[in-house]
């Protein structure tokens, strides 16, 4: 059975995220991990030629427990994204492929990997080429493969990750609550987390990390990814680590890369992030 077939079977068995009661912290609701694939690299690959299996942290997708990443997508200016921790690797590029439940490819892109370890964001297109038709239909479940390309001439050496993503529609009540805290990005992140929208939650928490590292650490800890909390986000300044004071902040900037830039949309996102990043 192919890796893709095993991934689809595992994800079909996973339970979807449901809304939780209101929270006052950036913590993601508890989700079931029954039937979910691991968030680390697939075992049994020959990709040790470009990834030391003993190195920790290893290649990791930043996902909730059930390995499915819900997003409001077209209901917000924050783009649907996937987030990955890239360790030291001999691979220069990775490939992301998103496909529907029938196995048809919806989106595919090649990503230039950073030269140093860190967390990257890979944005997904909100609309197709016509600018009107959504790339991801609301309610449908999509699957993705993320492959470190160890040897471009022999893709059987790829190191693989897999998971799922689903775009859901935000209710009018949620959008009203969101608008009420338009000037408070942390409150926005709390609302998204409570609603179970992983992608918006992690994107906002990442944008706040250099000024509020505790919110980023709290979110990752809530899904057992605390071991990544102090790792750099590629393309962002290195801010305070949890527990540091402002005087202890490391002013050094981390390397930049085109696939890791933060969203630069218009409208609500600009209002949300205004004054947050210098």
C-alpha atoms as a PDB file:
ATOM      1  CA  UNK A   1       0.000   0.000   0.000  1.00  0.00           C
ATOM      2  CA  UNK A   2       1.373   3.408  -0.944  1.00  0.00           C
ATOM      3  CA  UNK A   3       2.275   6.104   1.594  1.00  0.00           C
ATOM      4  CA  UNK A   4      -0.538   8.272   0.182  1.00  0.00           C
ATOM      5  CA  UNK A   5      -3.112   5.461   0.589  1.00  0.00           C
ATOM      6  CA  UNK A   6      -2.042   4.840   4.189  1.00  0.00           C
ATOM      7  CA  UNK A   7      -2.209   8.588   4.887  1.00  0.00           C
ATOM      8  CA  UNK A   8      -5.740   8.875   3.473  1.00  0.00           C
ATOM      9  CA  UNK A   9      -6.964   5.914   5.514  1.00  0.00           C
ATOM     10  CA  UNK A  10      -5.446   7.314   8.691  1.00  0.00           C
ATOM     11  CA  UNK A  11      -6.878  10.778   8.165  1.00  0.00           C
ATOM     12  CA  UNK A  12     -10.358   9.493   7.316  1.00  0.00           C
ATOM     13  CA  UNK A  13     -10.332   7.833  10.742  1.00  0.00           C
ATOM     14  CA  UNK A  14      -9.383  11.040  12.555  1.00  0.00           C
ATOM     15  CA  UNK A  15     -12.000  13.087  14.387  1.00  0.00           C
ATOM     16  CA  UNK A  16     -12.449  16.696  13.330  1.00  0.00           C
ATOM     17  CA  UNK A  17     -11.900  19.658  15.672  1.00  0.00           C
ATOM     18  CA  UNK A  18     -15.002  20.973  17.422  1.00  0.00           C
ATOM     19  CA  UNK A  19     -15.608  24.305  19.124  1.00  0.00           C
ATOM     20  CA  UNK A  20     -14.854  24.579  22.820  1.00  0.00           C
ATOM     21  CA  UNK A  21     -16.105  26.866  25.556  1.00  0.00           C
ATOM     22  CA  UNK A  22     -14.685  30.421  25.654  1.00  0.00           C
ATOM     23  CA  UNK A  23     -11.072  30.684  26.740  1.00  0.00           C
ATOM     24  CA  UNK A  24      -8.883  33.525  27.871  1.00  0.00           C
ATOM     25  CA  UNK A  25      -5.615  31.979  26.747  1.00  0.00           C
ATOM     26  CA  UNK A  26      -4.150  31.035  23.404  1.00  0.00           C
ATOM     27  CA  UNK A  27      -4.686  27.329  23.900  1.00  0.00           C
ATOM     28  CA  UNK A  28      -6.105  25.065  21.251  1.00  0.00           C
ATOM     29  CA  UNK A  29      -9.074  22.879  22.251  1.00  0.00           C
ATOM     30  CA  UNK A  30      -8.377  19.246  23.048  1.00  0.00           C
ATOM     31  CA  UNK A  31      -8.696  17.120  19.911  1.00  0.00           C
ATOM     32  CA  UNK A  32      -8.674  13.385  19.434  1.00  0.00           C
ATOM     33  CA  UNK A  33      -5.546  11.841  17.965  1.00  0.00           C
ATOM     34  CA  UNK A  34      -7.276   8.534  17.213  1.00  0.00           C
ATOM     35  CA  UNK A  35      -6.176   7.290  13.819  1.00  0.00           C
ATOM     36  CA  UNK A  36      -3.992  10.320  13.180  1.00  0.00           C
ATOM     37  CA  UNK A  37      -0.539   9.968  11.630  1.00  0.00           C
ATOM     38  CA  UNK A  38       2.513  11.172  13.496  1.00  0.00           C
ATOM     39  CA  UNK A  39       3.519  14.808  13.079  1.00  0.00           C
ATOM     40  CA  UNK A  40       7.123  13.807  12.494  1.00  0.00           C
ATOM     41  CA  UNK A  41       8.735  12.229   9.413  1.00  0.00           C
ATOM     42  CA  UNK A  42       7.568   8.896   8.055  1.00  0.00           C
ATOM     43  CA  UNK A  43       9.585   5.910   9.251  1.00  0.00           C
ATOM     44  CA  UNK A  44      11.248   3.565   6.827  1.00  0.00           C
ATOM     45  CA  UNK A  45      12.335   6.209   4.327  1.00  0.00           C
ATOM     46  CA  UNK A  46      15.853   6.272   2.926  1.00  0.00           C
ATOM     47  CA  UNK A  47      16.085   9.988   3.566  1.00  0.00           C
ATOM     48  CA  UNK A  48      18.843   9.616   6.108  1.00  0.00           C
ATOM     49  CA  UNK A  49      21.152  10.829   3.349  1.00  0.00           C
ATOM     50  CA  UNK A  50      19.919  14.374   4.031  1.00  0.00           C
ATOM     51  CA  UNK A  51      18.414  14.167   7.522  1.00  0.00           C
ATOM     52  CA  UNK A  52      20.107  12.826  10.633  1.00  0.00           C
ATOM     53  CA  UNK A  53      17.405  10.709  12.359  1.00  0.00           C
ATOM     54  CA  UNK A  54      19.046  11.260  15.747  1.00  0.00           C
ATOM     55  CA  UNK A  55      18.941  15.055  15.486  1.00  0.00           C
ATOM     56  CA  UNK A  56      16.273  16.697  17.649  1.00  0.00           C
ATOM     57  CA  UNK A  57      14.001  18.483  17.051  1.00  0.00           C
ATOM     58  CA  UNK A  58      13.378  16.593  13.846  1.00  0.00           C
ATOM     59  CA  UNK A  59      11.286  17.562  10.829  1.00  0.00           C
ATOM     60  CA  UNK A  60       7.863  18.390  12.277  1.00  0.00           C
ATOM     61  CA  UNK A  61       4.545  19.760  11.059  1.00  0.00           C
ATOM     62  CA  UNK A  62       2.964  22.247  13.479  1.00  0.00           C
ATOM     63  CA  UNK A  63      -0.513  20.785  13.774  1.00  0.00           C
ATOM     64  CA  UNK A  64      -3.150  20.012  16.393  1.00  0.00           C
ATOM     65  CA  UNK A  65      -3.327  16.480  17.746  1.00  0.00           C
ATOM     66  CA  UNK A  66      -5.547  15.059  15.026  1.00  0.00           C
ATOM     67  CA  UNK A  67      -3.153  16.221  12.266  1.00  0.00           C
ATOM     68  CA  UNK A  68      -5.965  18.130  10.538  1.00  0.00           C
ATOM     69  CA  UNK A  69      -5.623  21.894  10.245  1.00  0.00           C
ATOM     70  CA  UNK A  70      -9.020  23.663  10.122  1.00  0.00           C
ATOM     71  CA  UNK A  71      -9.098  27.200   8.712  1.00  0.00           C
ATOM     72  CA  UNK A  72     -11.744  29.811   7.960  1.00  0.00           C
ATOM     73  CA  UNK A  73      -9.809  30.618   4.803  1.00  0.00           C
ATOM     74  CA  UNK A  74     -12.017  32.731   2.523  1.00  0.00           C
ATOM     75  CA  UNK A  75     -13.757  34.313   5.522  1.00  0.00           C
ATOM     76  CA  UNK A  76     -10.629  36.202   6.598  1.00  0.00           C
ATOM     77  CA  UNK A  77      -7.635  38.020   5.166  1.00  0.00           C
ATOM     78  CA  UNK A  78      -5.295  35.638   6.959  1.00  0.00           C
ATOM     79  CA  UNK A  79      -4.263  33.085   4.319  1.00  0.00           C
ATOM     80  CA  UNK A  80      -4.521  29.353   4.796  1.00  0.00           C
ATOM     81  CA  UNK A  81      -1.040  28.118   5.639  1.00  0.00           C
ATOM     82  CA  UNK A  82       0.927  25.115   6.756  1.00  0.00           C
ATOM     83  CA  UNK A  83       3.789  25.449   9.221  1.00  0.00           C
ATOM     84  CA  UNK A  84       6.847  23.224   9.445  1.00  0.00           C
ATOM     85  CA  UNK A  85       9.952  23.008  11.588  1.00  0.00           C
ATOM     86  CA  UNK A  86      12.952  22.364   9.326  1.00  0.00           C
ATOM     87  CA  UNK A  87      15.996  20.919  11.133  1.00  0.00           C
ATOM     88  CA  UNK A  88      19.527  20.902   9.801  1.00  0.00           C
ATOM     89  CA  UNK A  89      19.317  19.065   6.492  1.00  0.00           C
ATOM     90  CA  UNK A  90      21.304  18.436   3.358  1.00  0.00           C
ATOM     91  CA  UNK A  91      18.180  18.995   1.239  1.00  0.00           C
ATOM     92  CA  UNK A  92      17.988  22.311  -0.616  1.00  0.00           C
ATOM     93  CA  UNK A  93      14.302  22.112  -1.499  1.00  0.00           C
ATOM     94  CA  UNK A  94      11.030  20.600  -0.392  1.00  0.00           C
ATOM     95  CA  UNK A  95       7.831  19.905  -2.291  1.00  0.00           C
ATOM     96  CA  UNK A  96       4.310  20.429  -0.958  1.00  0.00           C
ATOM     97  CA  UNK A  97       1.425  18.656  -2.699  1.00  0.00           C
ATOM     98  CA  UNK A  98      -2.223  19.108  -1.679  1.00  0.00           C
ATOM     99  CA  UNK A  99      -4.825  16.698  -3.039  1.00  0.00           C
ATOM    100  CA  UNK A 100      -8.532  16.054  -2.553  1.00  0.00           C
ATOM    101  CA  UNK A 101     -10.244  12.948  -1.216  1.00  0.00           C
ATOM    102  CA  UNK A 102     -10.235  11.432  -4.699  1.00  0.00           C
ATOM    103  CA  UNK A 103      -6.468  11.782  -4.887  1.00  0.00           C
ATOM    104  CA  UNK A 104      -6.522  14.583  -7.473  1.00  0.00           C
ATOM    105  CA  UNK A 105      -3.791  17.207  -7.020  1.00  0.00           C
ATOM    106  CA  UNK A 106      -5.232  20.580  -5.983  1.00  0.00           C
ATOM    107  CA  UNK A 107      -1.992  22.478  -5.434  1.00  0.00           C
ATOM    108  CA  UNK A 108       1.708  21.793  -5.684  1.00  0.00           C
ATOM    109  CA  UNK A 109       4.738  23.988  -5.040  1.00  0.00           C
ATOM    110  CA  UNK A 110       8.487  23.700  -4.553  1.00  0.00           C
ATOM    111  CA  UNK A 111       9.921  25.446  -1.481  1.00  0.00           C
ATOM    112  CA  UNK A 112      13.479  26.653  -1.104  1.00  0.00           C
ATOM    113  CA  UNK A 113      14.581  25.559   2.356  1.00  0.00           C
ATOM    114  CA  UNK A 114      16.321  27.914   4.817  1.00  0.00           C
ATOM    115  CA  UNK A 115      20.046  27.571   5.347  1.00  0.00           C
ATOM    116  CA  UNK A 116      19.597  27.318   9.130  1.00  0.00           C
ATOM    117  CA  UNK A 117      17.097  25.337  11.233  1.00  0.00           C
ATOM    118  CA  UNK A 118      13.797  27.033  12.050  1.00  0.00           C
ATOM    119  CA  UNK A 119      10.043  27.173  11.565  1.00  0.00           C
ATOM    120  CA  UNK A 120       8.649  28.167   8.187  1.00  0.00           C
ATOM    121  CA  UNK A 121       5.216  29.150   6.925  1.00  0.00           C
ATOM    122  CA  UNK A 122       3.985  27.910   3.548  1.00  0.00           C
ATOM    123  CA  UNK A 123       0.957  29.863   2.365  1.00  0.00           C
ATOM    124  CA  UNK A 124      -1.737  28.180   0.303  1.00  0.00           C
ATOM    125  CA  UNK A 125      -3.581  30.024  -2.502  1.00  0.00           C
ATOM    126  CA  UNK A 126      -6.993  31.268  -1.436  1.00  0.00           C
ATOM    127  CA  UNK A 127      -8.382  31.320  -4.960  1.00  0.00           C
ATOM    128  CA  UNK A 128      -7.689  29.682  -8.286  1.00  0.00           C
ATOM    129  CA  UNK A 129      -6.262  31.596 -11.256  1.00  0.00           C
ATOM    130  CA  UNK A 130      -9.584  33.350 -11.957  1.00  0.00           C
ATOM    131  CA  UNK A 131      -9.402  35.070  -8.554  1.00  0.00           C
ATOM    132  CA  UNK A 132     -12.985  34.016  -7.789  1.00  0.00           C
ATOM    133  CA  UNK A 133     -13.139  30.236  -7.436  1.00  0.00           C
ATOM    134  CA  UNK A 134     -11.830  29.036  -4.046  1.00  0.00           C
ATOM    135  CA  UNK A 135      -8.882  26.666  -4.244  1.00  0.00           C
ATOM    136  CA  UNK A 136     -10.310  24.814  -1.264  1.00  0.00           C
ATOM    137  CA  UNK A 137     -14.068  24.274  -1.099  1.00  0.00           C
ATOM    138  CA  UNK A 138     -15.691  24.866   2.266  1.00  0.00           C
ATOM    139  CA  UNK A 139     -16.310  21.670   4.220  1.00  0.00           C
ATOM    140  CA  UNK A 140     -14.133  19.458   2.038  1.00  0.00           C
ATOM    141  CA  UNK A 141     -11.158  17.655   3.544  1.00  0.00           C
ATOM    142  CA  UNK A 142      -7.842  17.898   1.725  1.00  0.00           C
ATOM    143  CA  UNK A 143      -4.634  15.987   2.298  1.00  0.00           C
ATOM    144  CA  UNK A 144      -1.061  17.117   1.884  1.00  0.00           C
ATOM    145  CA  UNK A 145       2.367  15.599   1.460  1.00  0.00           C
ATOM    146  CA  UNK A 146       5.466  17.568   2.465  1.00  0.00           C
ATOM    147  CA  UNK A 147       8.638  16.020   1.084  1.00  0.00           C
ATOM    148  CA  UNK A 148      12.258  16.929   1.778  1.00  0.00           C
ATOM    149  CA  UNK A 149      13.944  16.295  -1.575  1.00  0.00           C
ATOM    150  CA  UNK A 150      17.154  14.549  -0.567  1.00  0.00           C
ATOM    151  CA  UNK A 151      18.041  13.513  -4.115  1.00  0.00           C
ATOM    152  CA  UNK A 152      16.281  15.269  -7.020  1.00  0.00           C
ATOM    153  CA  UNK A 153      17.276  12.337  -9.245  1.00  0.00           C
ATOM    154  CA  UNK A 154      15.798   9.695  -6.957  1.00  0.00           C
ATOM    155  CA  UNK A 155      12.626  10.791  -5.211  1.00  0.00           C
ATOM    156  CA  UNK A 156      12.398   7.506  -3.341  1.00  0.00           C
ATOM    157  CA  UNK A 157      14.923   9.100  -0.972  1.00  0.00           C
ATOM    158  CA  UNK A 158      12.408  11.818   0.042  1.00  0.00           C
ATOM    159  CA  UNK A 159      11.648  12.329   3.739  1.00  0.00           C
ATOM    160  CA  UNK A 160       7.874  12.616   4.029  1.00  0.00           C
ATOM    161  CA  UNK A 161       5.326  14.276   6.271  1.00  0.00           C
ATOM    162  CA  UNK A 162       1.567  14.068   5.804  1.00  0.00           C
ATOM    163  CA  UNK A 163      -1.569  15.653   7.192  1.00  0.00           C
ATOM    164  CA  UNK A 164      -4.902  17.216   6.347  1.00  0.00           C
ATOM    165  CA  UNK A 165      -6.522  20.626   6.046  1.00  0.00           C
ATOM    166  CA  UNK A 166     -10.153  21.706   5.891  1.00  0.00           C
ATOM    167  CA  UNK A 167     -11.664  25.106   5.166  1.00  0.00           C
ATOM    168  CA  UNK A 168     -14.760  25.863   7.198  1.00  0.00           C
ATOM    169  CA  UNK A 169     -17.107  28.848   7.143  1.00  0.00           C
ATOM    170  CA  UNK A 170     -17.095  31.336  10.005  1.00  0.00           C
ATOM    171  CA  UNK A 171     -20.500  32.147  11.466  1.00  0.00           C
ATOM    172  CA  UNK A 172     -21.854  35.682  11.420  1.00  0.00           C
ATOM    173  CA  UNK A 173     -21.711  35.690  15.237  1.00  0.00           C
ATOM    174  CA  UNK A 174     -18.012  34.799  15.148  1.00  0.00           C
ATOM    175  CA  UNK A 175     -17.253  37.535  12.624  1.00  0.00           C
ATOM    176  CA  UNK A 176     -19.078  40.036  14.838  1.00  0.00           C
ATOM    177  CA  UNK A 177     -16.955  38.983  17.831  1.00  0.00           C
ATOM    178  CA  UNK A 178     -13.831  39.215  15.693  1.00  0.00           C
ATOM    179  CA  UNK A 179     -14.641  42.727  14.554  1.00  0.00           C
ATOM    180  CA  UNK A 180     -15.198  43.782  18.172  1.00  0.00           C
ATOM    181  CA  UNK A 181     -11.552  43.000  19.021  1.00  0.00           C
ATOM    182  CA  UNK A 182     -10.035  44.191  15.730  1.00  0.00           C
ATOM    183  CA  UNK A 183      -7.434  46.243  17.600  1.00  0.00           C
ATOM    184  CA  UNK A 184      -6.325  43.365  19.840  1.00  0.00           C
ATOM    185  CA  UNK A 185      -4.483  40.606  17.914  1.00  0.00           C
ATOM    186  CA  UNK A 186      -4.063  38.452  21.022  1.00  0.00           C
ATOM    187  CA  UNK A 187      -7.820  38.514  21.630  1.00  0.00           C
ATOM    188  CA  UNK A 188      -8.287  37.629  17.963  1.00  0.00           C
ATOM    189  CA  UNK A 189      -5.981  34.646  18.366  1.00  0.00           C
ATOM    190  CA  UNK A 190      -7.961  33.524  21.425  1.00  0.00           C
ATOM    191  CA  UNK A 191     -11.211  33.682  19.440  1.00  0.00           C
ATOM    192  CA  UNK A 192      -9.764  31.665  16.581  1.00  0.00           C
ATOM    193  CA  UNK A 193      -8.358  29.076  18.987  1.00  0.00           C
ATOM    194  CA  UNK A 194     -11.668  28.702  20.788  1.00  0.00           C
ATOM    195  CA  UNK A 195     -13.423  28.248  17.429  1.00  0.00           C
ATOM    196  CA  UNK A 196     -10.970  25.514  16.455  1.00  0.00           C
ATOM    197  CA  UNK A 197      -9.477  27.416  13.487  1.00  0.00           C
ATOM    198  CA  UNK A 198      -5.872  26.268  13.743  1.00  0.00           C
ATOM    199  CA  UNK A 199      -4.389  28.145  10.806  1.00  0.00           C
ATOM    200  CA  UNK A 200      -5.526  31.616  11.823  1.00  0.00           C
ATOM    201  CA  UNK A 201      -4.567  30.926  15.436  1.00  0.00           C
ATOM    202  CA  UNK A 202      -1.002  29.876  14.686  1.00  0.00           C
ATOM    203  CA  UNK A 203      -0.477  32.654  12.112  1.00  0.00           C
ATOM    204  CA  UNK A 204      -1.541  35.347  14.588  1.00  0.00           C
ATOM    205  CA  UNK A 205       0.457  33.793  17.433  1.00  0.00           C
ATOM    206  CA  UNK A 206       3.520  33.681  15.190  1.00  0.00           C
ATOM    207  CA  UNK A 207       3.107  37.357  14.274  1.00  0.00           C
ATOM    208  CA  UNK A 208       3.012  38.216  17.994  1.00  0.00           C
ATOM    209  CA  UNK A 209       5.900  36.008  18.987  1.00  0.00           C
ATOM    210  CA  UNK A 210       8.702  38.584  19.043  1.00  0.00           C
ATOM    211  CA  UNK A 211       6.666  40.787  21.395  1.00  0.00           C
ATOM    212  CA  UNK A 212       4.718  38.093  23.237  1.00  0.00           C
ATOM    213  CA  UNK A 213       6.683  34.808  23.199  1.00  0.00           C
ATOM    214  CA  UNK A 214       4.563  33.387  26.001  1.00  0.00           C
ATOM    215  CA  UNK A 215       1.465  33.350  23.756  1.00  0.00           C
ATOM    216  CA  UNK A 216       3.386  31.415  21.087  1.00  0.00           C
ATOM    217  CA  UNK A 217       4.778  28.996  23.676  1.00  0.00           C
ATOM    218  CA  UNK A 218       1.355  28.535  25.273  1.00  0.00           C
ATOM    219  CA  UNK A 219      -0.248  27.671  21.936  1.00  0.00           C
ATOM    220  CA  UNK A 220       2.424  25.133  20.993  1.00  0.00           C
ATOM    221  CA  UNK A 221       2.358  23.617  24.479  1.00  0.00           C
ATOM    222  CA  UNK A 222      -1.420  23.117  24.202  1.00  0.00           C
ATOM    223  CA  UNK A 223      -0.798  20.707  21.302  1.00  0.00           C
ATOM    224  CA  UNK A 224       2.369  19.135  22.793  1.00  0.00           C
ATOM    225  CA  UNK A 225       4.763  21.026  20.532  1.00  0.00           C
ATOM    226  CA  UNK A 226       6.465  22.903  23.363  1.00  0.00           C
ATOM    227  CA  UNK A 227       9.860  21.574  22.206  1.00  0.00           C
ATOM    228  CA  UNK A 228       9.559  23.960  19.234  1.00  0.00           C
ATOM    229  CA  UNK A 229       8.599  27.054  21.240  1.00  0.00           C
ATOM    230  CA  UNK A 230      12.138  28.471  21.390  1.00  0.00           C
ATOM    231  CA  UNK A 231      13.075  27.631  17.816  1.00  0.00           C
ATOM    232  CA  UNK A 232      13.353  30.636  15.458  1.00  0.00           C
ATOM    233  CA  UNK A 233      10.657  31.509  12.956  1.00  0.00           C
ATOM    234  CA  UNK A 234      12.576  32.079   9.740  1.00  0.00           C
ATOM    235  CA  UNK A 235      12.158  35.627   8.478  1.00  0.00           C
ATOM    236  CA  UNK A 236      11.232  37.109  11.860  1.00  0.00           C
ATOM    237  CA  UNK A 237      13.398  38.891  14.434  1.00  0.00           C
ATOM    238  CA  UNK A 238      14.422  36.754  17.375  1.00  0.00           C
ATOM    239  CA  UNK A 239      12.358  38.109  20.263  1.00  0.00           C
ATOM    240  CA  UNK A 240      12.062  37.249  23.913  1.00  0.00           C
ATOM    241  CA  UNK A 241      11.958  33.619  24.841  1.00  0.00           C
ATOM    242  CA  UNK A 242       9.260  32.723  27.394  1.00  0.00           C
ATOM    243  CA  UNK A 243      10.105  34.173  30.773  1.00  0.00           C
ATOM    244  CA  UNK A 244      12.621  36.757  29.512  1.00  0.00           C
ATOM    245  CA  UNK A 245      12.369  40.429  30.323  1.00  0.00           C
ATOM    246  CA  UNK A 246      12.604  43.100  27.642  1.00  0.00           C
ATOM    247  CA  UNK A 247      16.194  43.832  28.668  1.00  0.00           C
ATOM    248  CA  UNK A 248      17.123  40.212  27.921  1.00  0.00           C
ATOM    249  CA  UNK A 249      15.766  40.197  24.373  1.00  0.00           C
ATOM    250  CA  UNK A 250      18.215  39.033  21.718  1.00  0.00           C
ATOM    251  CA  UNK A 251      18.231  41.675  18.971  1.00  0.00           C
ATOM    252  CA  UNK A 252      19.771  39.351  16.403  1.00  0.00           C
ATOM    253  CA  UNK A 253      17.626  38.768  13.338  1.00  0.00           C
ATOM    254  CA  UNK A 254      17.095  35.320  11.845  1.00  0.00           C
ATOM    255  CA  UNK A 255      17.680  34.590   8.150  1.00  0.00           C
ATOM    256  CA  UNK A 256      14.970  35.355   5.634  1.00  0.00           C
ATOM    257  CA  UNK A 257      13.430  33.242   2.882  1.00  0.00           C
ATOM    258  CA  UNK A 258      10.655  33.852   0.382  1.00  0.00           C
ATOM    259  CA  UNK A 259       8.350  30.967   1.398  1.00  0.00           C
ATOM    260  CA  UNK A 260       8.481  32.011   5.078  1.00  0.00           C
ATOM    261  CA  UNK A 261       7.368  35.628   4.958  1.00  0.00           C
ATOM    262  CA  UNK A 262       4.376  36.600   7.053  1.00  0.00           C
ATOM    263  CA  UNK A 263       1.085  37.365   5.268  1.00  0.00           C
ATOM    264  CA  UNK A 264       0.922  40.863   3.843  1.00  0.00           C
ATOM    265  CA  UNK A 265      -2.725  41.079   2.823  1.00  0.00           C
ATOM    266  CA  UNK A 266      -5.050  44.020   3.206  1.00  0.00           C
ATOM    267  CA  UNK A 267      -8.084  44.920   5.294  1.00  0.00           C
ATOM    268  CA  UNK A 268      -8.539  43.187   8.608  1.00  0.00           C
ATOM    269  CA  UNK A 269      -5.075  41.612   8.660  1.00  0.00           C
ATOM    270  CA  UNK A 270      -3.367  44.986   8.327  1.00  0.00           C
ATOM    271  CA  UNK A 271      -5.511  46.333  11.166  1.00  0.00           C
ATOM    272  CA  UNK A 272      -4.760  43.265  13.290  1.00  0.00           C
ATOM    273  CA  UNK A 273      -1.031  43.496  12.870  1.00  0.00           C
ATOM    274  CA  UNK A 274      -0.719  47.302  12.884  1.00  0.00           C
ATOM    275  CA  UNK A 275       1.854  48.244  15.489  1.00  0.00           C
ATOM    276  CA  UNK A 276       2.658  44.638  16.316  1.00  0.00           C
ATOM    277  CA  UNK A 277       5.716  44.175  14.100  1.00  0.00           C
ATOM    278  CA  UNK A 278       8.169  47.114  13.791  1.00  0.00           C
END
